[in-house]
C-alpha atoms as a PDB file:
ATOM      1  CA  MET A   1     -66.027 -90.698  32.207  1.00  0.00           C
ATOM      2  CA  GLY A   2     -65.896 -94.142  30.581  1.00  0.00           C
ATOM      3  CA  SER A   3     -63.722 -96.939  31.747  1.00  0.00           C
ATOM      4  CA  LYS A   4     -60.743 -98.075  29.723  1.00  0.00           C
ATOM      5  CA  TYR A   5     -62.634-101.306  29.069  1.00  0.00           C
ATOM      6  CA  THR A   6     -65.539 -99.600  27.294  1.00  0.00           C
ATOM      7  CA  LYS A   7     -66.199-101.143  23.890  1.00  0.00           C
ATOM      8  CA  ARG A   8     -66.452 -98.823  20.918  1.00  0.00           C
ATOM      9  CA  TYR A   9     -68.871 -99.628  18.138  1.00  0.00           C
ATOM     10  CA  SER A  10     -68.892 -98.212  14.625  1.00  0.00           C
ATOM     11  CA  ASP A  11     -71.531 -95.691  13.623  1.00  0.00           C
ATOM     12  CA  GLU A  12     -72.894 -98.205  11.133  1.00  0.00           C
ATOM     13  CA  TYR A  13     -73.284-100.846  13.863  1.00  0.00           C
ATOM     14  CA  GLU A  14     -75.087 -98.344  16.077  1.00  0.00           C
ATOM     15  CA  ARG A  15     -77.439 -97.316  13.236  1.00  0.00           C
ATOM     16  CA  ASP A  16     -78.208-100.965  12.473  1.00  0.00           C
ATOM     17  CA  ALA A  17     -78.933-101.705  16.143  1.00  0.00           C
ATOM     18  CA  ILE A  18     -81.226 -98.675  16.400  1.00  0.00           C
ATOM     19  CA  GLU A  19     -83.064 -99.719  13.251  1.00  0.00           C
ATOM     20  CA  LEU A  20     -83.475-103.240  14.642  1.00  0.00           C
ATOM     21  CA  VAL A  21     -85.125-101.834  17.769  1.00  0.00           C
ATOM     22  CA  ARG A  22     -87.438 -99.646  15.694  1.00  0.00           C
ATOM     23  CA  SER A  23     -88.406-102.218  13.090  1.00  0.00           C
ATOM     24  CA  SER A  24     -88.703-105.335  15.258  1.00  0.00           C
ATOM     25  CA  GLY A  25     -91.123-103.997  17.843  1.00  0.00           C
ATOM     26  CA  ARG A  26     -89.075-105.727  20.549  1.00  0.00           C
ATOM     27  CA  THR A  27     -87.768-104.065  23.658  1.00  0.00           C
ATOM     28  CA  VAL A  28     -84.364-102.451  23.804  1.00  0.00           C
ATOM     29  CA  THR A  29     -83.326-105.024  26.399  1.00  0.00           C
ATOM     30  CA  ALA A  30     -84.325-107.950  24.160  1.00  0.00           C
ATOM     31  CA  VAL A  31     -82.460-106.567  21.149  1.00  0.00           C
ATOM     32  CA  ALA A  32     -79.395-105.731  23.256  1.00  0.00           C
ATOM     33  CA  ARG A  33     -79.341-109.255  24.677  1.00  0.00           C
ATOM     34  CA  GLU A  34     -79.579-110.707  21.152  1.00  0.00           C
ATOM     35  CA  LEU A  35     -76.717-108.508  19.932  1.00  0.00           C
ATOM     36  CA  GLY A  36     -74.611-109.119  23.027  1.00  0.00           C
ATOM     37  CA  ILE A  37     -74.323-105.460  23.962  1.00  0.00           C
ATOM     38  CA  SER A  38     -75.263-103.450  27.014  1.00  0.00           C
ATOM     39  CA  SER A  39     -78.936-102.507  27.108  1.00  0.00           C
ATOM     40  CA  GLU A  40     -77.939 -99.135  28.554  1.00  0.00           C
ATOM     41  CA  SER A  41     -75.683 -98.465  25.576  1.00  0.00           C
ATOM     42  CA  LEU A  42     -78.419 -99.363  23.113  1.00  0.00           C
ATOM     43  CA  ARG A  43     -80.975 -97.343  25.057  1.00  0.00           C
ATOM     44  CA  GLY A  44     -78.662 -94.331  24.887  1.00  0.00           C
ATOM     45  CA  TRP A  45     -78.177 -94.759  21.131  1.00  0.00           C
ATOM     46  CA  VAL A  46     -81.939 -94.962  20.577  1.00  0.00           C
ATOM     47  CA  LYS A  47     -82.528 -91.913  22.765  1.00  0.00           C
ATOM     48  CA  LYS A  48     -79.848 -89.929  20.903  1.00  0.00           C
ATOM     49  CA  ALA A  49     -81.305 -90.959  17.531  1.00  0.00           C
ATOM     50  CA  ARG A  50     -84.808 -89.899  18.612  1.00  0.00           C
ATOM     51  CA  ALA A  51     -83.493 -86.532  19.771  1.00  0.00           C
ATOM     52  CA  ALA A  52     -81.668 -86.055  16.465  1.00  0.00           C
ATOM     53  CA  GLN A  53     -84.797 -86.992  14.525  1.00  0.00           C
ATOM     54  CA  GLU A  54     -86.955 -84.593  16.528  1.00  0.00           C
ATOM     55  CA  GLY A  55     -84.329 -81.923  16.009  1.00  0.00           C
ATOM     56  CA  GLY A  56     -84.886 -82.189  12.261  1.00  0.00           C
ATOM     57  CA  SER A  57     -81.904 -84.268  11.271  1.00  0.00           C
ATOM     58  CA  GLU A  58     -82.036 -87.828  10.039  1.00  0.00           C
ATOM     59  CA  PRO A  59     -81.574 -90.669  12.502  1.00  0.00           C
ATOM     60  CA  GLY A  60     -77.986 -91.747  12.608  1.00  0.00           C
ATOM     61  CA  ALA A  61     -76.891 -88.422  11.137  1.00  0.00           C
ATOM     62  CA  VAL A  62     -74.663 -87.847  14.135  1.00  0.00           C
ATOM     63  CA  GLY A  63     -71.162 -88.013  12.771  1.00  0.00           C
ATOM     64  CA  ALA A  64     -72.370 -88.029   9.155  1.00  0.00           C
ATOM     65  CA  ALA A  65     -70.469 -84.806   8.453  1.00  0.00           C
ATOM     66  CA  ASP A  66     -67.329 -86.333   9.944  1.00  0.00           C
ATOM     67  CA  ASP A  67     -67.791 -89.403   7.748  1.00  0.00           C
ATOM     68  CA  ARG A  68     -68.140 -87.193   4.668  1.00  0.00           C
ATOM     69  CA  ASP A  69     -65.039 -85.214   5.615  1.00  0.00           C
ATOM     70  CA  GLU A  70     -63.005 -88.402   6.052  1.00  0.00           C
ATOM     71  CA  GLU A  71     -64.278 -89.769   2.724  1.00  0.00           C
ATOM     72  CA  LEU A  72     -63.436 -86.488   0.978  1.00  0.00           C
ATOM     73  CA  LYS A  73     -59.929 -86.538   2.472  1.00  0.00           C
ATOM     74  CA  ARG A  74     -59.449 -90.154   1.350  1.00  0.00           C
ATOM     75  CA  LEU A  75     -60.659 -89.410  -2.170  1.00  0.00           C
ATOM     76  CA  ARG A  76     -58.435 -86.336  -2.498  1.00  0.00           C
ATOM     77  CA  LYS A  77     -55.421 -88.399  -1.462  1.00  0.00           C
ATOM     78  CA  LEU A  78     -56.355 -91.110  -3.966  1.00  0.00           C
ATOM     79  CA  THR A  79     -56.771 -88.515  -6.722  1.00  0.00           C
ATOM     80  CA  ALA A  80     -53.331 -87.071  -6.002  1.00  0.00           C
ATOM     81  CA  GLU A  81     -51.760 -90.546  -6.095  1.00  0.00           C
ATOM     82  CA  GLN A  82     -53.476 -91.321  -9.388  1.00  0.00           C
ATOM     83  CA  ALA A  83     -52.318 -88.016 -10.882  1.00  0.00           C
ATOM     84  CA  LYS A  84     -48.721 -88.925  -9.987  1.00  0.00           C
ATOM     85  CA  THR A  85     -49.165 -92.371 -11.531  1.00  0.00           C
ATOM     86  CA  ILE A  86     -50.557 -90.866 -14.729  1.00  0.00           C
ATOM     87  CA  GLU A  87     -47.617 -88.466 -14.954  1.00  0.00           C
ATOM     88  CA  ILE A  88     -45.114 -91.323 -14.533  1.00  0.00           C
ATOM     89  CA  LEU A  89     -46.909 -93.373 -17.184  1.00  0.00           C
ATOM     90  CA  LYS A  90     -46.862 -90.448 -19.614  1.00  0.00           C
ATOM     91  CA  LYS A  91     -43.111 -90.076 -19.149  1.00  0.00           C
ATOM     92  CA  ALA A  92     -42.583 -93.831 -19.542  1.00  0.00           C
ATOM     93  CA  THR A  93     -44.674 -93.879 -22.711  1.00  0.00           C
ATOM     94  CA  ALA A  94     -42.670 -91.023 -24.201  1.00  0.00           C
ATOM     95  CA  PHE A  95     -39.401 -92.717 -23.247  1.00  0.00           C
ATOM     96  CA  PHE A  96     -40.355 -96.049 -24.794  1.00  0.00           C
ATOM     97  CA  ALA A  97     -41.725 -94.348 -27.886  1.00  0.00           C
ATOM     98  CA  ARG A  98     -38.341 -92.646 -28.402  1.00  0.00           C
ATOM     99  CA  GLU A  99     -36.533 -95.960 -27.773  1.00  0.00           C
ATOM    100  CA  SER A 100     -38.616 -97.832 -30.354  1.00  0.00           C
ATOM    101  CA  ASP A 101     -37.870 -95.167 -33.005  1.00  0.00           C
ATOM    102  CA  ARG A 102     -34.123 -95.851 -32.801  1.00  0.00           C
END
C-alpha cells in the first residue's frame, strides 16, 4: 500500500525514463538520480517493461489500451459537439438566407 505522499508519473514520463536507462548504458540509480526520482521506482518500471516485452507486448504497452479508450471517448465527444455546431450553422444559414430574400 503506497503512502499518500507517493508521486504519480505519467505513462509517457515512465516510458521516457525506461528508454533513457536502456539507451544510455548507465545504471538505473544514475538515471534516477539525474531525473530526481526514486531508484526503486525506476527499477520497478524497468522490470515491468522487461516482463511486458518478454510476454510479447511492446515495452510501455501497459495502459496503452486504456489510453486508446480515453482517446476514443474524447474524439467521440468532440464529434458529437461538432455535429451540433454544424446543425446550428445550417439553421443559421437558412435563417439568414430567408432574411436576405425579403
